[in-house]
Amino acid sequence: MTPVDLLIATGEMLHGKHFTNKLADDLGIDDTTVRYWINGKRPLAPEHPIIDRLADLVDLKIADLINLKQKFLNPDGEDVITFRSNKNLRQL
């Protein structure tokens, strides 16, 4: 996976198909820079610091999702609601 592929995959995972503005906001950079990387107008090297920031964004999203799952559990650890794939969710 190239750095640009990683940028696109992360952006789409976090914000959907039209992610460039929101991802740029998350990264604290201009959205034009994100578009230039995607369109190949500027190179995005694997060692660019933005790659580490993308990984940090993914880690934060994972933590948010884990915290959200905990809100579906009562203090006894029983589900407040039943999920279709409850078995898979409990394995997280």
C-alpha atoms as a PDB file:
ATOM      1  CA  MET A   1       0.000   0.000   0.000  1.00  0.00           C
ATOM      2  CA  THR A   2       1.457   3.348  -1.015  1.00  0.00           C
ATOM      3  CA  PRO A   3       1.322   6.391   1.280  1.00  0.00           C
ATOM      4  CA  VAL A   4      -1.384   7.881  -0.969  1.00  0.00           C
ATOM      5  CA  ASP A   5      -3.381   4.631  -0.788  1.00  0.00           C
ATOM      6  CA  LEU A   6      -3.085   4.812   2.994  1.00  0.00           C
ATOM      7  CA  LEU A   7      -4.209   8.447   2.982  1.00  0.00           C
ATOM      8  CA  ILE A   8      -7.264   7.609   0.868  1.00  0.00           C
ATOM      9  CA  ALA A   9      -8.168   4.490   2.857  1.00  0.00           C
ATOM     10  CA  THR A  10      -7.902   6.356   6.156  1.00  0.00           C
ATOM     11  CA  GLY A  11      -9.894   9.313   4.871  1.00  0.00           C
ATOM     12  CA  GLU A  12     -12.674   7.126   3.514  1.00  0.00           C
ATOM     13  CA  MET A  13     -12.790   5.021   6.670  1.00  0.00           C
ATOM     14  CA  LEU A  14     -13.082   8.081   8.895  1.00  0.00           C
ATOM     15  CA  HIS A  15     -15.255  10.353   6.754  1.00  0.00           C
ATOM     16  CA  GLY A  16     -16.677   8.512   3.741  1.00  0.00           C
ATOM     17  CA  LYS A  17     -16.146   9.112   0.024  1.00  0.00           C
ATOM     18  CA  HIS A  18     -15.875  12.917   0.210  1.00  0.00           C
ATOM     19  CA  PHE A  19     -13.265  13.031   2.945  1.00  0.00           C
ATOM     20  CA  THR A  20     -10.642  15.548   1.842  1.00  0.00           C
ATOM     21  CA  ASN A  21     -11.848  18.601   3.785  1.00  0.00           C
ATOM     22  CA  LYS A  22     -12.575  16.723   6.991  1.00  0.00           C
ATOM     23  CA  LEU A  23      -9.338  14.744   6.868  1.00  0.00           C
ATOM     24  CA  ALA A  24      -7.367  17.930   6.237  1.00  0.00           C
ATOM     25  CA  ASP A  25      -9.046  19.463   9.305  1.00  0.00           C
ATOM     26  CA  ASP A  26      -8.168  16.367  11.362  1.00  0.00           C
ATOM     27  CA  LEU A  27      -4.546  16.640  10.250  1.00  0.00           C
ATOM     28  CA  GLY A  28      -4.347  20.428  10.671  1.00  0.00           C
ATOM     29  CA  ILE A  29      -3.346  21.006   7.061  1.00  0.00           C
ATOM     30  CA  ASP A  30      -4.839  22.723   4.032  1.00  0.00           C
ATOM     31  CA  ASP A  31      -7.282  20.591   2.048  1.00  0.00           C
ATOM     32  CA  THR A  32      -5.460  21.568  -1.143  1.00  0.00           C
ATOM     33  CA  THR A  33      -2.423  19.651   0.107  1.00  0.00           C
ATOM     34  CA  VAL A  34      -4.510  16.521   0.584  1.00  0.00           C
ATOM     35  CA  ARG A  35      -5.936  16.886  -2.928  1.00  0.00           C
ATOM     36  CA  TYR A  36      -2.453  17.425  -4.406  1.00  0.00           C
ATOM     37  CA  TRP A  37      -1.219  14.221  -2.765  1.00  0.00           C
ATOM     38  CA  ILE A  38      -4.212  12.272  -4.038  1.00  0.00           C
ATOM     39  CA  ASN A  39      -3.889  13.655  -7.567  1.00  0.00           C
ATOM     40  CA  GLY A  40      -0.133  13.099  -7.677  1.00  0.00           C
ATOM     41  CA  LYS A  41       0.682  16.810  -7.969  1.00  0.00           C
ATOM     42  CA  ARG A  42       2.854  16.547  -4.854  1.00  0.00           C
ATOM     43  CA  PRO A  43       4.737  13.466  -3.702  1.00  0.00           C
ATOM     44  CA  LEU A  44       3.871  11.841  -0.395  1.00  0.00           C
ATOM     45  CA  ALA A  45       6.897   9.936   0.879  1.00  0.00           C
ATOM     46  CA  PRO A  46       6.517   6.993   3.275  1.00  0.00           C
ATOM     47  CA  GLU A  47       8.621   8.852   5.858  1.00  0.00           C
ATOM     48  CA  HIS A  48       6.461  11.999   5.742  1.00  0.00           C
ATOM     49  CA  PRO A  49       5.268  12.914   9.274  1.00  0.00           C
ATOM     50  CA  ILE A  50       1.662  12.903   8.073  1.00  0.00           C
ATOM     51  CA  ILE A  51       1.799   9.083   7.903  1.00  0.00           C
ATOM     52  CA  ASP A  52       2.313   8.914  11.677  1.00  0.00           C
ATOM     53  CA  ARG A  53      -0.542  11.377  12.133  1.00  0.00           C
ATOM     54  CA  LEU A  54      -2.799   9.138  10.037  1.00  0.00           C
ATOM     55  CA  ALA A  55      -1.924   6.206  12.310  1.00  0.00           C
ATOM     56  CA  ASP A  56      -2.760   8.367  15.331  1.00  0.00           C
ATOM     57  CA  LEU A  57      -6.164   9.203  13.823  1.00  0.00           C
ATOM     58  CA  VAL A  58      -6.894   5.507  13.335  1.00  0.00           C
ATOM     59  CA  ASP A  59      -5.876   4.784  16.944  1.00  0.00           C
ATOM     60  CA  LEU A  60      -8.200   7.533  18.175  1.00  0.00           C
ATOM     61  CA  LYS A  61     -11.101   6.163  16.115  1.00  0.00           C
ATOM     62  CA  ILE A  62     -10.519   2.679  17.502  1.00  0.00           C
ATOM     63  CA  ALA A  63     -10.550   4.064  21.050  1.00  0.00           C
ATOM     64  CA  ASP A  64     -13.757   5.990  20.310  1.00  0.00           C
ATOM     65  CA  LEU A  65     -15.424   2.851  18.973  1.00  0.00           C
ATOM     66  CA  ILE A  66     -14.366   0.801  21.994  1.00  0.00           C
ATOM     67  CA  ASN A  67     -15.740   3.503  24.301  1.00  0.00           C
ATOM     68  CA  LEU A  68     -18.988   3.568  22.338  1.00  0.00           C
ATOM     69  CA  LYS A  69     -19.338  -0.197  22.693  1.00  0.00           C
ATOM     70  CA  GLN A  70     -18.905   0.158  26.453  1.00  0.00           C
ATOM     71  CA  LYS A  71     -21.904   2.493  26.537  1.00  0.00           C
ATOM     72  CA  PHE A  72     -24.036  -0.412  25.319  1.00  0.00           C
ATOM     73  CA  LEU A  73     -23.092  -2.448  28.382  1.00  0.00           C
ATOM     74  CA  ASN A  74     -24.540  -2.006  31.825  1.00  0.00           C
ATOM     75  CA  PRO A  75     -22.275  -2.266  34.918  1.00  0.00           C
ATOM     76  CA  ASP A  76     -22.823  -6.048  35.120  1.00  0.00           C
ATOM     77  CA  GLY A  77     -21.382  -6.475  31.635  1.00  0.00           C
ATOM     78  CA  GLU A  78     -24.719  -7.490  30.129  1.00  0.00           C
ATOM     79  CA  ASP A  79     -25.804  -5.967  26.860  1.00  0.00           C
ATOM     80  CA  VAL A  80     -28.430  -3.279  27.139  1.00  0.00           C
ATOM     81  CA  ILE A  81     -29.411  -4.033  23.545  1.00  0.00           C
ATOM     82  CA  THR A  82     -28.813  -7.107  21.420  1.00  0.00           C
ATOM     83  CA  PHE A  83     -26.524  -6.822  18.423  1.00  0.00           C
ATOM     84  CA  ARG A  84     -26.897  -9.079  15.425  1.00  0.00           C
ATOM     85  CA  SER A  85     -23.229  -9.986  15.617  1.00  0.00           C
ATOM     86  CA  ASN A  86     -22.972  -9.838  19.387  1.00  0.00           C
ATOM     87  CA  LYS A  87     -20.531 -12.756  19.457  1.00  0.00           C
ATOM     88  CA  ASN A  88     -18.091 -10.894  17.211  1.00  0.00           C
ATOM     89  CA  LEU A  89     -18.445  -7.653  19.183  1.00  0.00           C
ATOM     90  CA  ARG A  90     -17.649  -9.381  22.464  1.00  0.00           C
ATOM     91  CA  GLN A  91     -14.416 -10.742  20.973  1.00  0.00           C
ATOM     92  CA  LEU A  92     -13.079  -7.178  20.620  1.00  0.00           C
END
